[in-house]
Amino acid sequence: MTLFKKRTAGKPGEWYYCLKHGTVEEGPECRAADRFGPYATREEASHAMETARDRNQEWENDPKWHDAPKGDAPRDGA
């Protein structure tokens, strides 16, 4: 019995943004590591990079991520 079945076709209405090709696709056409999604609409998927950029900016400025005790030097890559 197969525990995990590889899904070769997406469901109608599932939209993804392919990072490798820079395109919007309906259903997962490219491998999971190369895509963002699923999104509810083509329009939402087309703005995936802007959404990711906005979220990264929010997280970068979130004080919960910069909670090192006072006096500690920041770590490299942080």
N, C-alpha and C. Protein backbone atom coordinates (compact mmCIF):
# COMPACT_ATOMS: atom_id res chain seq x y z
N MET A 1 0.84 -1.18 0.00
CA MET A 1 0.00 0.00 0.00
C MET A 1 0.88 1.24 0.00
N THR A 2 0.59 2.16 -0.85
CA THR A 2 1.34 3.40 -0.95
C THR A 2 0.84 4.40 0.08
N LEU A 3 1.75 4.90 0.90
CA LEU A 3 1.37 5.88 1.90
C LEU A 3 1.23 7.27 1.32
N PHE A 4 2.11 7.62 0.42
CA PHE A 4 2.09 8.95 -0.17
C PHE A 4 2.01 8.81 -1.68
N LYS A 5 0.93 9.30 -2.23
CA LYS A 5 0.76 9.24 -3.67
C LYS A 5 1.21 10.56 -4.26
N LYS A 6 2.09 10.49 -5.23
CA LYS A 6 2.56 11.71 -5.90
C LYS A 6 1.43 12.28 -6.73
N ARG A 7 1.10 13.51 -6.45
CA ARG A 7 0.03 14.17 -7.19
C ARG A 7 0.63 14.76 -8.45
N THR A 8 0.18 14.29 -9.57
CA THR A 8 0.75 14.76 -10.84
C THR A 8 -0.04 15.91 -11.43
N ALA A 9 -1.30 16.05 -11.05
CA ALA A 9 -2.12 17.14 -11.58
C ALA A 9 -2.74 17.88 -10.42
N GLY A 10 -2.83 19.17 -10.58
CA GLY A 10 -3.43 19.98 -9.54
C GLY A 10 -4.94 19.99 -9.63
N LYS A 11 -5.54 20.49 -8.60
CA LYS A 11 -6.99 20.65 -8.60
C LYS A 11 -7.32 21.92 -9.37
N PRO A 12 -8.43 21.92 -10.08
CA PRO A 12 -8.84 23.16 -10.75
C PRO A 12 -8.98 24.28 -9.72
N GLY A 13 -8.43 25.42 -10.04
CA GLY A 13 -8.50 26.56 -9.13
C GLY A 13 -7.33 26.69 -8.19
N GLU A 14 -6.39 25.75 -8.21
CA GLU A 14 -5.16 25.90 -7.42
C GLU A 14 -4.11 26.54 -8.31
N TRP A 15 -3.58 27.65 -7.84
CA TRP A 15 -2.59 28.39 -8.62
C TRP A 15 -1.28 28.44 -7.88
N TYR A 16 -0.19 28.33 -8.60
CA TYR A 16 1.16 28.34 -8.04
C TYR A 16 2.02 29.33 -8.81
N TYR A 17 3.08 29.81 -8.15
CA TYR A 17 4.08 30.63 -8.81
C TYR A 17 5.35 29.82 -8.88
N CYS A 18 5.83 29.54 -10.07
CA CYS A 18 7.05 28.75 -10.26
C CYS A 18 8.26 29.67 -10.16
N LEU A 19 9.10 29.42 -9.18
CA LEU A 19 10.30 30.23 -8.97
C LEU A 19 11.34 29.99 -10.05
N LYS A 20 11.40 28.78 -10.56
CA LYS A 20 12.39 28.42 -11.57
C LYS A 20 12.10 29.09 -12.92
N HIS A 21 10.82 29.11 -13.30
CA HIS A 21 10.45 29.65 -14.60
C HIS A 21 9.88 31.07 -14.52
N GLY A 22 9.53 31.53 -13.31
CA GLY A 22 8.97 32.86 -13.15
C GLY A 22 7.59 32.99 -13.76
N THR A 23 6.83 31.89 -13.69
CA THR A 23 5.50 31.89 -14.30
C THR A 23 4.45 31.41 -13.32
N VAL A 24 3.20 31.75 -13.62
CA VAL A 24 2.05 31.27 -12.85
C VAL A 24 1.55 30.01 -13.54
N GLU A 25 1.23 28.99 -12.74
CA GLU A 25 0.73 27.75 -13.31
C GLU A 25 -0.48 27.26 -12.52
N GLU A 26 -1.42 26.66 -13.22
CA GLU A 26 -2.59 26.09 -12.54
C GLU A 26 -2.26 24.64 -12.21
N GLY A 27 -2.39 24.31 -10.95
CA GLY A 27 -1.99 22.97 -10.51
C GLY A 27 -0.49 22.90 -10.41
N PRO A 28 0.03 22.00 -9.61
CA PRO A 28 1.49 21.90 -9.48
C PRO A 28 2.12 21.24 -10.70
N GLU A 29 2.76 22.03 -11.52
CA GLU A 29 3.46 21.49 -12.68
C GLU A 29 4.92 21.25 -12.36
N CYS A 30 5.53 22.17 -11.62
CA CYS A 30 6.94 22.04 -11.24
C CYS A 30 7.05 21.46 -9.83
N ARG A 31 8.24 21.04 -9.47
CA ARG A 31 8.43 20.41 -8.16
C ARG A 31 8.19 21.41 -7.03
N ALA A 32 7.81 20.90 -5.88
CA ALA A 32 7.42 21.73 -4.74
C ALA A 32 8.51 22.70 -4.32
N ALA A 33 9.76 22.30 -4.38
CA ALA A 33 10.86 23.17 -3.96
C ALA A 33 11.02 24.38 -4.87
N ASP A 34 10.41 24.33 -6.05
CA ASP A 34 10.54 25.42 -7.02
C ASP A 34 9.28 26.27 -7.15
N ARG A 35 8.37 26.17 -6.17
CA ARG A 35 7.14 26.94 -6.34
C ARG A 35 6.60 27.47 -5.01
N PHE A 36 5.83 28.54 -5.12
CA PHE A 36 5.05 29.09 -4.01
C PHE A 36 3.59 28.75 -4.29
N GLY A 37 2.84 28.48 -3.25
CA GLY A 37 1.41 28.25 -3.42
C GLY A 37 0.96 27.08 -2.59
N PRO A 38 -0.28 26.73 -2.68
CA PRO A 38 -1.25 27.19 -3.67
C PRO A 38 -1.90 28.51 -3.28
N TYR A 39 -2.34 29.21 -4.30
CA TYR A 39 -3.09 30.46 -4.16
C TYR A 39 -4.49 30.23 -4.70
N ALA A 40 -5.43 31.02 -4.25
CA ALA A 40 -6.83 30.87 -4.66
C ALA A 40 -7.09 31.37 -6.07
N THR A 41 -6.31 32.35 -6.52
CA THR A 41 -6.55 32.93 -7.85
C THR A 41 -5.24 33.09 -8.61
N ARG A 42 -5.37 33.21 -9.92
CA ARG A 42 -4.20 33.47 -10.77
C ARG A 42 -3.56 34.80 -10.39
N GLU A 43 -4.40 35.80 -10.12
CA GLU A 43 -3.92 37.14 -9.75
C GLU A 43 -3.07 37.08 -8.48
N GLU A 44 -3.56 36.36 -7.48
CA GLU A 44 -2.83 36.22 -6.22
C GLU A 44 -1.48 35.54 -6.45
N ALA A 45 -1.46 34.50 -7.27
CA ALA A 45 -0.21 33.80 -7.57
C ALA A 45 0.76 34.69 -8.34
N SER A 46 0.23 35.57 -9.19
CA SER A 46 1.11 36.44 -9.98
C SER A 46 1.84 37.45 -9.09
N HIS A 47 1.32 37.69 -7.89
CA HIS A 47 1.96 38.63 -6.96
C HIS A 47 2.72 37.91 -5.85
N ALA A 48 3.06 36.66 -6.07
CA ALA A 48 3.73 35.85 -5.05
C ALA A 48 5.05 36.45 -4.58
N MET A 49 5.83 36.98 -5.49
CA MET A 49 7.14 37.53 -5.11
C MET A 49 6.97 38.80 -4.27
N GLU A 50 5.99 39.63 -4.62
CA GLU A 50 5.73 40.84 -3.83
C GLU A 50 5.24 40.46 -2.43
N THR A 51 4.36 39.45 -2.37
CA THR A 51 3.85 38.99 -1.08
C THR A 51 5.00 38.48 -0.22
N ALA A 52 5.89 37.69 -0.81
CA ALA A 52 7.04 37.16 -0.06
C ALA A 52 7.95 38.28 0.40
N ARG A 53 8.18 39.26 -0.46
CA ARG A 53 9.03 40.40 -0.10
C ARG A 53 8.42 41.19 1.06
N ASP A 54 7.11 41.42 1.01
CA ASP A 54 6.42 42.14 2.09
C ASP A 54 6.49 41.37 3.40
N ARG A 55 6.26 40.06 3.34
CA ARG A 55 6.32 39.25 4.56
C ARG A 55 7.73 39.21 5.13
N ASN A 56 8.72 39.10 4.28
CA ASN A 56 10.10 39.10 4.76
C ASN A 56 10.43 40.42 5.46
N GLN A 57 9.96 41.51 4.90
CA GLN A 57 10.19 42.83 5.50
C GLN A 57 9.51 42.91 6.87
N GLU A 58 8.27 42.42 6.96
CA GLU A 58 7.56 42.41 8.25
C GLU A 58 8.32 41.59 9.29
N TRP A 59 8.79 40.42 8.90
CA TRP A 59 9.52 39.56 9.84
C TRP A 59 10.84 40.19 10.23
N GLU A 60 11.50 40.84 9.30
CA GLU A 60 12.79 41.48 9.59
C GLU A 60 12.61 42.58 10.64
N ASN A 61 11.47 43.25 10.60
CA ASN A 61 11.23 44.33 11.54
C ASN A 61 10.44 43.91 12.78
N ASP A 62 10.15 42.63 12.91
CA ASP A 62 9.39 42.13 14.06
C ASP A 62 10.31 42.03 15.27
N PRO A 63 10.01 42.75 16.35
CA PRO A 63 10.89 42.73 17.52
C PRO A 63 11.00 41.35 18.16
N LYS A 64 10.05 40.47 17.94
CA LYS A 64 10.14 39.12 18.51
C LYS A 64 11.31 38.34 17.92
N TRP A 65 11.75 38.70 16.72
CA TRP A 65 12.87 38.01 16.09
C TRP A 65 14.21 38.60 16.51
N HIS A 66 14.18 39.72 17.18
CA HIS A 66 15.41 40.39 17.61
C HIS A 66 15.39 40.55 19.12
N ASP A 67 15.23 39.42 19.82
CA ASP A 67 15.05 39.47 21.26
C ASP A 67 16.30 39.08 22.04
N ALA A 68 17.48 39.33 21.47
CA ALA A 68 18.72 39.03 22.18
C ALA A 68 18.82 39.93 23.41
N PRO A 69 19.34 39.40 24.52
CA PRO A 69 19.50 40.24 25.71
C PRO A 69 20.39 41.44 25.41
N LYS A 70 20.11 42.55 26.09
CA LYS A 70 20.90 43.76 25.88
C LYS A 70 22.36 43.48 26.23
N GLY A 71 23.24 44.01 25.41
CA GLY A 71 24.66 43.82 25.63
C GLY A 71 25.25 42.69 24.81
N ASP A 72 24.40 41.80 24.27
CA ASP A 72 24.89 40.74 23.44
C ASP A 72 25.11 41.26 22.03
N ALA A 73 26.22 40.87 21.44
CA ALA A 73 26.50 41.28 20.07
C ALA A 73 25.63 40.46 19.12
N PRO A 74 25.15 41.06 18.03
CA PRO A 74 24.36 40.30 17.07
C PRO A 74 25.21 39.23 16.43
N ARG A 75 24.57 38.10 16.16
CA ARG A 75 25.28 37.00 15.50
C ARG A 75 25.34 37.26 14.02
N ASP A 76 26.38 36.74 13.36
CA ASP A 76 26.48 36.86 11.90
C ASP A 76 25.33 36.12 11.26
N GLY A 77 24.77 36.70 10.21
CA GLY A 77 23.68 36.07 9.48
C GLY A 77 22.34 36.28 10.14
N ALA A 78 22.29 36.99 11.24
CA ALA A 78 21.00 37.18 11.92
C ALA A 78 20.31 38.41 11.42
